[in-house]
PDB file of all heavy atoms in Angstrom:
ATOM      1  N   HIS A   1     -22.219  -2.089  19.275  1.00  0.00           N
ATOM      2  CA  HIS A   1     -20.846  -2.568  19.343  1.00  0.00           C
ATOM      3  C   HIS A   1     -20.370  -3.269  18.069  1.00  0.00           C
ATOM      4  O   HIS A   1     -19.290  -3.855  18.071  1.00  0.00           O
ATOM      5  CB  HIS A   1     -20.692  -3.540  20.521  1.00  0.00           C
ATOM      6  CG  HIS A   1     -21.021  -2.928  21.846  1.00  0.00           C
ATOM      7  ND1 HIS A   1     -20.179  -2.040  22.485  1.00  0.00           N
ATOM      8  CD2 HIS A   1     -22.119  -3.065  22.654  1.00  0.00           C
ATOM      9  CE1 HIS A   1     -20.729  -1.662  23.633  1.00  0.00           C
ATOM     10  NE2 HIS A   1     -21.896  -2.271  23.748  1.00  0.00           N
ATOM     11  N   PHE A   2     -21.143  -3.171  16.991  1.00  0.00           N
ATOM     12  CA  PHE A   2     -20.788  -3.930  15.800  1.00  0.00           C
ATOM     13  C   PHE A   2     -21.173  -3.143  14.554  1.00  0.00           C
ATOM     14  O   PHE A   2     -22.269  -2.587  14.470  1.00  0.00           O
ATOM     15  CB  PHE A   2     -21.509  -5.281  15.821  1.00  0.00           C
ATOM     16  CG  PHE A   2     -21.280  -6.112  14.599  1.00  0.00           C
ATOM     17  CD1 PHE A   2     -20.115  -6.847  14.444  1.00  0.00           C
ATOM     18  CD2 PHE A   2     -22.231  -6.159  13.590  1.00  0.00           C
ATOM     19  CE1 PHE A   2     -19.909  -7.610  13.316  1.00  0.00           C
ATOM     20  CE2 PHE A   2     -22.030  -6.923  12.459  1.00  0.00           C
ATOM     21  CZ  PHE A   2     -20.857  -7.656  12.317  1.00  0.00           C
ATOM     22  N   ALA A   3     -20.241  -3.097  13.577  1.00  0.00           N
ATOM     23  CA  ALA A   3     -20.493  -2.359  12.333  1.00  0.00           C
ATOM     24  C   ALA A   3     -20.066  -3.174  11.126  1.00  0.00           C
ATOM     25  O   ALA A   3     -19.190  -4.039  11.205  1.00  0.00           O
ATOM     26  CB  ALA A   3     -19.747  -1.029  12.341  1.00  0.00           C
ATOM     27  N   VAL A   4     -20.706  -2.851  10.004  1.00  0.00           N
ATOM     28  CA  VAL A   4     -20.316  -3.370   8.705  1.00  0.00           C
ATOM     29  C   VAL A   4     -19.908  -2.173   7.858  1.00  0.00           C
ATOM     30  O   VAL A   4     -20.608  -1.151   7.834  1.00  0.00           O
ATOM     31  CB  VAL A   4     -21.470  -4.129   8.027  1.00  0.00           C
ATOM     32  CG1 VAL A   4     -21.050  -4.605   6.638  1.00  0.00           C
ATOM     33  CG2 VAL A   4     -21.915  -5.298   8.879  1.00  0.00           C
ATOM     34  N   GLY A   5     -18.748  -2.266   7.204  1.00  0.00           N
ATOM     35  CA  GLY A   5     -18.269  -1.134   6.431  1.00  0.00           C
ATOM     36  C   GLY A   5     -17.715  -1.542   5.085  1.00  0.00           C
ATOM     37  O   GLY A   5     -17.433  -2.715   4.828  1.00  0.00           O
ATOM     38  N   GLY A   6     -17.583  -0.555   4.229  1.00  0.00           N
ATOM     39  CA  GLY A   6     -17.004  -0.790   2.909  1.00  0.00           C
ATOM     40  C   GLY A   6     -16.518   0.517   2.320  1.00  0.00           C
ATOM     41  O   GLY A   6     -16.883   1.601   2.781  1.00  0.00           O
ATOM     42  N   GLY A   7     -15.661   0.401   1.303  1.00  0.00           N
ATOM     43  CA  GLY A   7     -15.141   1.605   0.667  1.00  0.00           C
ATOM     44  C   GLY A   7     -13.991   1.301  -0.255  1.00  0.00           C
ATOM     45  O   GLY A   7     -13.889   0.210  -0.822  1.00  0.00           O
ATOM     46  N   TRP A   8     -13.123   2.280  -0.403  1.00  0.00           N
ATOM     47  CA  TRP A   8     -11.973   2.187  -1.308  1.00  0.00           C
ATOM     48  C   TRP A   8     -10.731   2.630  -0.559  1.00  0.00           C
ATOM     49  O   TRP A   8     -10.769   3.599   0.222  1.00  0.00           O
ATOM     50  CB  TRP A   8     -12.208   3.085  -2.511  1.00  0.00           C
ATOM     51  CG  TRP A   8     -11.021   3.192  -3.447  1.00  0.00           C
ATOM     52  CD1 TRP A   8     -10.712   2.382  -4.496  1.00  0.00           C
ATOM     53  CD2 TRP A   8     -10.008   4.199  -3.411  1.00  0.00           C
ATOM     54  NE1 TRP A   8      -9.561   2.820  -5.110  1.00  0.00           N
ATOM     55  CE2 TRP A   8      -9.105   3.924  -4.468  1.00  0.00           C
ATOM     56  CE3 TRP A   8      -9.764   5.293  -2.576  1.00  0.00           C
ATOM     57  CZ2 TRP A   8      -7.989   4.715  -4.713  1.00  0.00           C
ATOM     58  CZ3 TRP A   8      -8.652   6.081  -2.822  1.00  0.00           C
ATOM     59  CH2 TRP A   8      -7.791   5.790  -3.886  1.00  0.00           C
ATOM     60  N   SER A   9      -9.606   1.922  -0.759  1.00  0.00           N
ATOM     61  CA  SER A   9      -8.346   2.286  -0.110  1.00  0.00           C
ATOM     62  C   SER A   9      -7.199   2.124  -1.086  1.00  0.00           C
ATOM     63  O   SER A   9      -7.289   1.378  -2.071  1.00  0.00           O
ATOM     64  CB  SER A   9      -8.101   1.430   1.139  1.00  0.00           C
ATOM     65  OG  SER A   9      -7.977   0.063   0.789  1.00  0.00           O
ATOM     66  N   GLU A  10      -6.086   2.811  -0.790  1.00  0.00           N
ATOM     67  CA  GLU A  10      -4.916   2.773  -1.664  1.00  0.00           C
ATOM     68  C   GLU A  10      -3.645   2.948  -0.847  1.00  0.00           C
ATOM     69  O   GLU A  10      -3.585   3.753   0.087  1.00  0.00           O
ATOM     70  CB  GLU A  10      -4.999   3.883  -2.708  1.00  0.00           C
ATOM     71  CG  GLU A  10      -3.785   3.971  -3.623  1.00  0.00           C
ATOM     72  CD  GLU A  10      -3.848   5.152  -4.563  1.00  0.00           C
ATOM     73  OE1 GLU A  10      -4.454   5.011  -5.637  1.00  0.00           O
ATOM     74  OE2 GLU A  10      -3.305   6.225  -4.216  1.00  0.00           O
ATOM     75  N   TYR A  11      -2.642   2.146  -1.190  1.00  0.00           N
ATOM     76  CA  TYR A  11      -1.288   2.301  -0.668  1.00  0.00           C
ATOM     77  C   TYR A  11      -0.368   2.548  -1.863  1.00  0.00           C
ATOM     78  O   TYR A  11      -0.448   1.831  -2.862  1.00  0.00           O
ATOM     79  CB  TYR A  11      -0.811   1.043   0.059  1.00  0.00           C
ATOM     80  CG  TYR A  11      -1.599   0.678   1.297  1.00  0.00           C
ATOM     81  CD1 TYR A  11      -2.789  -0.032   1.194  1.00  0.00           C
ATOM     82  CD2 TYR A  11      -1.152   1.042   2.562  1.00  0.00           C
ATOM     83  CE1 TYR A  11      -3.514  -0.368   2.319  1.00  0.00           C
ATOM     84  CE2 TYR A  11      -1.872   0.711   3.693  1.00  0.00           C
ATOM     85  CZ  TYR A  11      -3.052  -0.004   3.564  1.00  0.00           C
ATOM     86  OH  TYR A  11      -3.765  -0.338   4.683  1.00  0.00           O
ATOM     87  N   SER A  12       0.531   3.524  -1.756  1.00  0.00           N
ATOM     88  CA  SER A  12       1.446   3.793  -2.860  1.00  0.00           C
ATOM     89  C   SER A  12       2.834   4.089  -2.308  1.00  0.00           C
ATOM     90  O   SER A  12       2.984   4.730  -1.255  1.00  0.00           O
ATOM     91  CB  SER A  12       0.956   4.969  -3.704  1.00  0.00           C
ATOM     92  OG  SER A  12       0.869   6.148  -2.930  1.00  0.00           O
ATOM     93  N   ILE A  13       3.850   3.604  -3.024  1.00  0.00           N
ATOM     94  CA  ILE A  13       5.240   3.832  -2.669  1.00  0.00           C
ATOM     95  C   ILE A  13       5.974   4.334  -3.907  1.00  0.00           C
ATOM     96  O   ILE A  13       5.881   3.733  -4.976  1.00  0.00           O
ATOM     97  CB  ILE A  13       5.923   2.543  -2.168  1.00  0.00           C
ATOM     98  CG1 ILE A  13       5.239   2.029  -0.898  1.00  0.00           C
ATOM     99  CG2 ILE A  13       7.403   2.790  -1.890  1.00  0.00           C
ATOM    100  CD1 ILE A  13       5.767   0.689  -0.448  1.00  0.00           C
ATOM    101  N   ASP A  14       6.681   5.435  -3.755  1.00  0.00           N
ATOM    102  CA  ASP A  14       7.533   5.967  -4.818  1.00  0.00           C
ATOM    103  C   ASP A  14       8.945   6.010  -4.256  1.00  0.00           C
ATOM    104  O   ASP A  14       9.350   6.984  -3.617  1.00  0.00           O
ATOM    105  CB  ASP A  14       7.055   7.358  -5.236  1.00  0.00           C
ATOM    106  CG  ASP A  14       7.881   7.935  -6.373  1.00  0.00           C
ATOM    107  OD1 ASP A  14       8.646   7.170  -6.989  1.00  0.00           O
ATOM    108  OD2 ASP A  14       7.773   9.145  -6.627  1.00  0.00           O
ATOM    109  N   LEU A  15       9.691   4.926  -4.450  1.00  0.00           N
ATOM    110  CA  LEU A  15      11.031   4.793  -3.887  1.00  0.00           C
ATOM    111  C   LEU A  15      12.058   5.122  -4.973  1.00  0.00           C
ATOM    112  O   LEU A  15      12.342   4.296  -5.837  1.00  0.00           O
ATOM    113  CB  LEU A  15      11.240   3.373  -3.353  1.00  0.00           C
ATOM    114  CG  LEU A  15      12.520   3.101  -2.554  1.00  0.00           C
ATOM    115  CD1 LEU A  15      12.585   3.999  -1.323  1.00  0.00           C
ATOM    116  CD2 LEU A  15      12.591   1.634  -2.148  1.00  0.00           C
ATOM    117  N   ASP A  16      12.592   6.346  -4.932  1.00  0.00           N
ATOM    118  CA  ASP A  16      13.540   6.790  -5.945  1.00  0.00           C
ATOM    119  C   ASP A  16      14.913   6.139  -5.763  1.00  0.00           C
ATOM    120  O   ASP A  16      15.637   5.942  -6.736  1.00  0.00           O
ATOM    121  CB  ASP A  16      13.702   8.312  -5.891  1.00  0.00           C
ATOM    122  CG  ASP A  16      12.394   9.033  -6.153  1.00  0.00           C
ATOM    123  OD1 ASP A  16      11.600   8.534  -6.968  1.00  0.00           O
ATOM    124  OD2 ASP A  16      12.155  10.084  -5.530  1.00  0.00           O
ATOM    125  N   ARG A  17      15.278   5.825  -4.509  1.00  0.00           N
ATOM    126  CA  ARG A  17      16.595   5.245  -4.252  1.00  0.00           C
ATOM    127  C   ARG A  17      16.606   4.554  -2.885  1.00  0.00           C
ATOM    128  O   ARG A  17      16.140   5.111  -1.903  1.00  0.00           O
ATOM    129  CB  ARG A  17      17.665   6.333  -4.257  1.00  0.00           C
ATOM    130  CG  ARG A  17      19.094   5.806  -4.077  1.00  0.00           C
ATOM    131  CD  ARG A  17      20.108   6.937  -3.985  1.00  0.00           C
ATOM    132  NE  ARG A  17      20.060   7.638  -2.701  1.00  0.00           N
ATOM    133  CZ  ARG A  17      19.600   8.854  -2.525  1.00  0.00           C
ATOM    134  NH1 ARG A  17      19.146   9.534  -3.563  1.00  0.00           N
ATOM    135  NH2 ARG A  17      19.580   9.418  -1.330  1.00  0.00           N
ATOM    136  N   TYR A  18      17.093   3.325  -2.872  1.00  0.00           N
ATOM    137  CA  TYR A  18      17.342   2.634  -1.614  1.00  0.00           C
ATOM    138  C   TYR A  18      18.650   1.863  -1.773  1.00  0.00           C
ATOM    139  O   TYR A  18      18.724   0.885  -2.519  1.00  0.00           O
ATOM    140  CB  TYR A  18      16.202   1.665  -1.269  1.00  0.00           C
ATOM    141  CG  TYR A  18      16.378   0.997   0.080  1.00  0.00           C
ATOM    142  CD1 TYR A  18      15.795   1.534   1.221  1.00  0.00           C
ATOM    143  CD2 TYR A  18      17.143  -0.160   0.215  1.00  0.00           C
ATOM    144  CE1 TYR A  18      15.958   0.932   2.465  1.00  0.00           C
ATOM    145  CE2 TYR A  18      17.311  -0.763   1.453  1.00  0.00           C
ATOM    146  CZ  TYR A  18      16.716  -0.213   2.568  1.00  0.00           C
ATOM    147  OH  TYR A  18      16.888  -0.812   3.796  1.00  0.00           O
ATOM    148  N   GLU A  19      19.685   2.336  -1.099  1.00  0.00           N
ATOM    149  CA  GLU A  19      21.003   1.724  -1.208  1.00  0.00           C
ATOM    150  C   GLU A  19      21.143   0.626  -0.162  1.00  0.00           C
ATOM    151  O   GLU A  19      20.972   0.867   1.033  1.00  0.00           O
ATOM    152  CB  GLU A  19      22.093   2.773  -1.031  1.00  0.00           C
ATOM    153  CG  GLU A  19      22.076   3.844  -2.116  1.00  0.00           C
ATOM    154  CD  GLU A  19      23.134   4.908  -1.911  1.00  0.00           C
ATOM    155  OE1 GLU A  19      23.937   4.763  -0.966  1.00  0.00           O
ATOM    156  OE2 GLU A  19      23.149   5.887  -2.682  1.00  0.00           O
ATOM    157  N   THR A  20      21.451  -0.588  -0.625  1.00  0.00           N
ATOM    158  CA  THR A  20      21.625  -1.720   0.259  1.00  0.00           C
ATOM    159  C   THR A  20      22.867  -2.494  -0.181  1.00  0.00           C
ATOM    160  O   THR A  20      22.852  -3.177  -1.208  1.00  0.00           O
ATOM    161  CB  THR A  20      20.383  -2.637   0.258  1.00  0.00           C
ATOM    162  OG1 THR A  20      20.671  -3.833   0.959  1.00  0.00           O
ATOM    163  CG2 THR A  20      19.884  -2.946  -1.124  1.00  0.00           C
ATOM    164  N   GLY A  21      23.945  -2.344   0.580  1.00  0.00           N
ATOM    165  CA  GLY A  21      25.190  -2.993   0.204  1.00  0.00           C
ATOM    166  C   GLY A  21      25.731  -2.425  -1.093  1.00  0.00           C
ATOM    167  O   GLY A  21      25.851  -1.209  -1.275  1.00  0.00           O
ATOM    168  N   ASP A  22      26.039  -3.308  -2.039  1.00  0.00           N
ATOM    169  CA  ASP A  22      26.576  -2.884  -3.340  1.00  0.00           C
ATOM    170  C   ASP A  22      25.479  -2.549  -4.342  1.00  0.00           C
ATOM    171  O   ASP A  22      25.789  -2.213  -5.493  1.00  0.00           O
ATOM    172  CB  ASP A  22      27.460  -3.997  -3.930  1.00  0.00           C
ATOM    173  CG  ASP A  22      28.691  -4.262  -3.078  1.00  0.00           C
ATOM    174  OD1 ASP A  22      29.175  -3.318  -2.431  1.00  0.00           O
ATOM    175  OD2 ASP A  22      29.159  -5.423  -3.058  1.00  0.00           O
ATOM    176  N   TYR A  23      24.221  -2.637  -3.930  1.00  0.00           N
ATOM    177  CA  TYR A  23      23.113  -2.486  -4.864  1.00  0.00           C
ATOM    178  C   TYR A  23      22.246  -1.277  -4.499  1.00  0.00           C
ATOM    179  O   TYR A  23      22.171  -0.844  -3.352  1.00  0.00           O
ATOM    180  CB  TYR A  23      22.245  -3.746  -4.871  1.00  0.00           C
ATOM    181  CG  TYR A  23      22.986  -4.989  -5.294  1.00  0.00           C
ATOM    182  CD1 TYR A  23      23.513  -5.856  -4.341  1.00  0.00           C
ATOM    183  CD2 TYR A  23      23.167  -5.298  -6.640  1.00  0.00           C
ATOM    184  CE1 TYR A  23      24.204  -7.004  -4.716  1.00  0.00           C
ATOM    185  CE2 TYR A  23      23.848  -6.431  -7.034  1.00  0.00           C
ATOM    186  CZ  TYR A  23      24.365  -7.284  -6.064  1.00  0.00           C
ATOM    187  OH  TYR A  23      25.054  -8.398  -6.445  1.00  0.00           O
ATOM    188  N   THR A  24      21.560  -0.772  -5.524  1.00  0.00           N
ATOM    189  CA  THR A  24      20.565   0.288  -5.352  1.00  0.00           C
ATOM    190  C   THR A  24      19.249  -0.179  -5.957  1.00  0.00           C
ATOM    191  O   THR A  24      19.204  -0.572  -7.123  1.00  0.00           O
ATOM    192  CB  THR A  24      21.011   1.590  -6.033  1.00  0.00           C
ATOM    193  OG1 THR A  24      22.185   2.083  -5.393  1.00  0.00           O
ATOM    194  CG2 THR A  24      19.919   2.649  -5.935  1.00  0.00           C
ATOM    195  N   ALA A  25      18.202  -0.151  -5.151  1.00  0.00           N
ATOM    196  CA  ALA A  25      16.873  -0.580  -5.593  1.00  0.00           C
ATOM    197  C   ALA A  25      15.986   0.643  -5.772  1.00  0.00           C
ATOM    198  O   ALA A  25      16.105   1.634  -5.043  1.00  0.00           O
ATOM    199  CB  ALA A  25      16.255  -1.536  -4.588  1.00  0.00           C
ATOM    200  N   ARG A  26      15.088   0.540  -6.750  1.00  0.00           N
ATOM    201  CA  ARG A  26      14.082   1.579  -6.991  1.00  0.00           C
ATOM    202  C   ARG A  26      12.745   0.885  -7.270  1.00  0.00           C
ATOM    203  O   ARG A  26      12.691  -0.119  -7.983  1.00  0.00           O
ATOM    204  CB  ARG A  26      14.460   2.465  -8.183  1.00  0.00           C
ATOM    205  CG  ARG A  26      15.753   3.232  -8.030  1.00  0.00           C
ATOM    206  CD  ARG A  26      15.980   4.165  -9.200  1.00  0.00           C
ATOM    207  NE  ARG A  26      16.096   3.443 -10.451  1.00  0.00           N
ATOM    208  CZ  ARG A  26      15.871   3.971 -11.653  1.00  0.00           C
ATOM    209  NH1 ARG A  26      15.471   5.232 -11.758  1.00  0.00           N
ATOM    210  NH2 ARG A  26      16.017   3.260 -12.745  1.00  0.00           N
ATOM    211  N   PHE A  27      11.666   1.449  -6.712  1.00  0.00           N
ATOM    212  CA  PHE A  27      10.345   0.847  -6.915  1.00  0.00           C
ATOM    213  C   PHE A  27       9.283   1.933  -7.034  1.00  0.00           C
ATOM    214  O   PHE A  27       9.327   2.951  -6.335  1.00  0.00           O
ATOM    215  CB  PHE A  27       9.961  -0.073  -5.739  1.00  0.00           C
ATOM    216  CG  PHE A  27      10.721  -1.363  -5.695  1.00  0.00           C
ATOM    217  CD1 PHE A  27      11.774  -1.523  -4.810  1.00  0.00           C
ATOM    218  CD2 PHE A  27      10.379  -2.408  -6.539  1.00  0.00           C
ATOM    219  CE1 PHE A  27      12.476  -2.713  -4.761  1.00  0.00           C
ATOM    220  CE2 PHE A  27      11.081  -3.607  -6.495  1.00  0.00           C
ATOM    221  CZ  PHE A  27      12.135  -3.755  -5.609  1.00  0.00           C
ATOM    222  N   ASN A  28       8.336   1.712  -7.935  1.00  0.00           N
ATOM    223  CA  ASN A  28       7.060   2.424  -7.967  1.00  0.00           C
ATOM    224  C   ASN A  28       5.978   1.369  -7.754  1.00  0.00           C
ATOM    225  O   ASN A  28       5.820   0.473  -8.593  1.00  0.00           O
ATOM    226  CB  ASN A  28       6.847   3.141  -9.303  1.00  0.00           C
ATOM    227  CG  ASN A  28       7.779   4.324  -9.479  1.00  0.00           C
ATOM    228  OD1 ASN A  28       8.092   5.011  -8.512  1.00  0.00           O
ATOM    229  ND2 ASN A  28       8.233   4.568 -10.687  1.00  0.00           N
ATOM    230  N   TYR A  29       5.252   1.493  -6.665  1.00  0.00           N
ATOM    231  CA  TYR A  29       4.384   0.391  -6.230  1.00  0.00           C
ATOM    232  C   TYR A  29       3.063   0.966  -5.765  1.00  0.00           C
ATOM    233  O   TYR A  29       3.024   1.905  -4.968  1.00  0.00           O
ATOM    234  CB  TYR A  29       5.086  -0.354  -5.103  1.00  0.00           C
ATOM    235  CG  TYR A  29       4.343  -1.535  -4.529  1.00  0.00           C
ATOM    236  CD1 TYR A  29       3.835  -2.530  -5.338  1.00  0.00           C
ATOM    237  CD2 TYR A  29       4.176  -1.655  -3.151  1.00  0.00           C
ATOM    238  CE1 TYR A  29       3.181  -3.624  -4.796  1.00  0.00           C
ATOM    239  CE2 TYR A  29       3.527  -2.734  -2.597  1.00  0.00           C
ATOM    240  CZ  TYR A  29       3.031  -3.714  -3.424  1.00  0.00           C
ATOM    241  OH  TYR A  29       2.370  -4.797  -2.886  1.00  0.00           O
ATOM    242  N   GLU A  30       1.953   0.401  -6.276  1.00  0.00           N
ATOM    243  CA  GLU A  30       0.627   0.888  -5.891  1.00  0.00           C
ATOM    244  C   GLU A  30      -0.327  -0.290  -5.729  1.00  0.00           C
ATOM    245  O   GLU A  30      -0.364  -1.192  -6.558  1.00  0.00           O
ATOM    246  CB  GLU A  30       0.088   1.855  -6.938  1.00  0.00           C
ATOM    247  CG  GLU A  30      -1.265   2.455  -6.585  1.00  0.00           C
ATOM    248  CD  GLU A  30      -1.724   3.479  -7.602  1.00  0.00           C
ATOM    249  OE1 GLU A  30      -1.023   4.493  -7.778  1.00  0.00           O
ATOM    250  OE2 GLU A  30      -2.782   3.243  -8.231  1.00  0.00           O
ATOM    251  N   VAL A  31      -1.062  -0.259  -4.628  1.00  0.00           N
ATOM    252  CA  VAL A  31      -2.091  -1.263  -4.337  1.00  0.00           C
ATOM    253  C   VAL A  31      -3.383  -0.514  -4.029  1.00  0.00           C
ATOM    254  O   VAL A  31      -3.407   0.349  -3.152  1.00  0.00           O
ATOM    255  CB  VAL A  31      -1.717  -2.147  -3.134  1.00  0.00           C
ATOM    256  CG1 VAL A  31      -2.751  -3.247  -2.947  1.00  0.00           C
ATOM    257  CG2 VAL A  31      -0.331  -2.740  -3.295  1.00  0.00           C
ATOM    258  N   SER A  32      -4.455  -0.804  -4.739  1.00  0.00           N
ATOM    259  CA  SER A  32      -5.715  -0.120  -4.490  1.00  0.00           C
ATOM    260  C   SER A  32      -6.868  -1.063  -4.790  1.00  0.00           C
ATOM    261  O   SER A  32      -6.735  -1.997  -5.591  1.00  0.00           O
ATOM    262  CB  SER A  32      -5.830   1.150  -5.345  1.00  0.00           C
ATOM    263  OG  SER A  32      -5.780   0.823  -6.723  1.00  0.00           O
ATOM    264  N   GLY A  33      -8.005  -0.824  -4.135  1.00  0.00           N
ATOM    265  CA  GLY A  33      -9.159  -1.668  -4.399  1.00  0.00           C
ATOM    266  C   GLY A  33     -10.319  -1.405  -3.459  1.00  0.00           C
ATOM    267  O   GLY A  33     -10.244  -0.586  -2.536  1.00  0.00           O
ATOM    268  N   LEU A  34     -11.405  -2.112  -3.717  1.00  0.00           N
ATOM    269  CA  LEU A  34     -12.607  -2.027  -2.894  1.00  0.00           C
ATOM    270  C   LEU A  34     -12.462  -2.934  -1.690  1.00  0.00           C
ATOM    271  O   LEU A  34     -11.943  -4.047  -1.787  1.00  0.00           O
ATOM    272  CB  LEU A  34     -13.833  -2.421  -3.710  1.00  0.00           C
ATOM    273  CG  LEU A  34     -14.152  -1.531  -4.917  1.00  0.00           C
ATOM    274  CD1 LEU A  34     -15.326  -2.103  -5.698  1.00  0.00           C
ATOM    275  CD2 LEU A  34     -14.453  -0.111  -4.465  1.00  0.00           C
ATOM    276  N   GLU A  35     -12.924  -2.472  -0.549  1.00  0.00           N
ATOM    277  CA  GLU A  35     -12.778  -3.237   0.681  1.00  0.00           C
ATOM    278  C   GLU A  35     -14.126  -3.427   1.374  1.00  0.00           C
ATOM    279  O   GLU A  35     -15.057  -2.629   1.202  1.00  0.00           O
ATOM    280  CB  GLU A  35     -11.800  -2.566   1.634  1.00  0.00           C
ATOM    281  CG  GLU A  35     -12.216  -1.172   2.086  1.00  0.00           C
ATOM    282  CD  GLU A  35     -11.208  -0.568   3.049  1.00  0.00           C
ATOM    283  OE1 GLU A  35     -10.009  -0.524   2.705  1.00  0.00           O
ATOM    284  OE2 GLU A  35     -11.629  -0.144   4.147  1.00  0.00           O
ATOM    285  N   LEU A  36     -14.213  -4.483   2.155  1.00  0.00           N
ATOM    286  CA  LEU A  36     -15.384  -4.792   2.983  1.00  0.00           C
ATOM    287  C   LEU A  36     -14.867  -5.286   4.323  1.00  0.00           C
ATOM    288  O   LEU A  36     -13.962  -6.123   4.367  1.00  0.00           O
ATOM    289  CB  LEU A  36     -16.250  -5.871   2.311  1.00  0.00           C
ATOM    290  CG  LEU A  36     -17.550  -6.252   3.031  1.00  0.00           C
ATOM    291  CD1 LEU A  36     -18.514  -5.067   3.045  1.00  0.00           C
ATOM    292  CD2 LEU A  36     -18.197  -7.459   2.360  1.00  0.00           C
ATOM    293  N   TYR A  37     -15.427  -4.775   5.424  1.00  0.00           N
ATOM    294  CA  TYR A  37     -14.872  -5.122   6.737  1.00  0.00           C
ATOM    295  C   TYR A  37     -15.947  -5.154   7.815  1.00  0.00           C
ATOM    296  O   TYR A  37     -17.051  -4.618   7.648  1.00  0.00           O
ATOM    297  CB  TYR A  37     -13.773  -4.127   7.130  1.00  0.00           C
ATOM    298  CG  TYR A  37     -14.206  -2.692   7.193  1.00  0.00           C
ATOM    299  CD1 TYR A  37     -14.730  -2.128   8.362  1.00  0.00           C
ATOM    300  CD2 TYR A  37     -14.081  -1.855   6.074  1.00  0.00           C
ATOM    301  CE1 TYR A  37     -15.106  -0.797   8.421  1.00  0.00           C
ATOM    302  CE2 TYR A  37     -14.451  -0.532   6.121  1.00  0.00           C
ATOM    303  CZ  TYR A  37     -14.963  -0.001   7.292  1.00  0.00           C
ATOM    304  OH  TYR A  37     -15.354   1.315   7.355  1.00  0.00           O
ATOM    305  N   LEU A  38     -15.590  -5.785   8.920  1.00  0.00           N
ATOM    306  CA  LEU A  38     -16.391  -5.822  10.145  1.00  0.00           C
ATOM    307  C   LEU A  38     -15.653  -5.045  11.224  1.00  0.00           C
ATOM    308  O   LEU A  38     -14.424  -5.085  11.296  1.00  0.00           O
ATOM    309  CB  LEU A  38     -16.624  -7.271  10.598  1.00  0.00           C
ATOM    310  CG  LEU A  38     -17.286  -8.204   9.583  1.00  0.00           C
ATOM    311  CD1 LEU A  38     -17.394  -9.606  10.153  1.00  0.00           C
ATOM    312  CD2 LEU A  38     -18.650  -7.681   9.178  1.00  0.00           C
ATOM    313  N   LYS A  39     -16.415  -4.356  12.079  1.00  0.00           N
ATOM    314  CA  LYS A  39     -15.793  -3.483  13.069  1.00  0.00           C
ATOM    315  C   LYS A  39     -16.450  -3.659  14.424  1.00  0.00           C
ATOM    316  O   LYS A  39     -17.668  -3.811  14.524  1.00  0.00           O
ATOM    317  CB  LYS A  39     -15.943  -2.019  12.621  1.00  0.00           C
ATOM    318  CG  LYS A  39     -15.108  -1.019  13.392  1.00  0.00           C
ATOM    319  CD  LYS A  39     -15.116   0.308  12.652  1.00  0.00           C
ATOM    320  CE  LYS A  39     -14.084   1.265  13.199  1.00  0.00           C
ATOM    321  NZ  LYS A  39     -13.968   2.493  12.373  1.00  0.00           N
TER     322      LYS A  39
END
């Protein structure tokens, strides 16, 4: 019922256009790294 784990993970966002009110936002965003967890 119990595990120890590890590895690599990544989240990425390529937002070409997001219109909010009078403004337009754009983002290129990436988060990646080594992880360690209990399960």
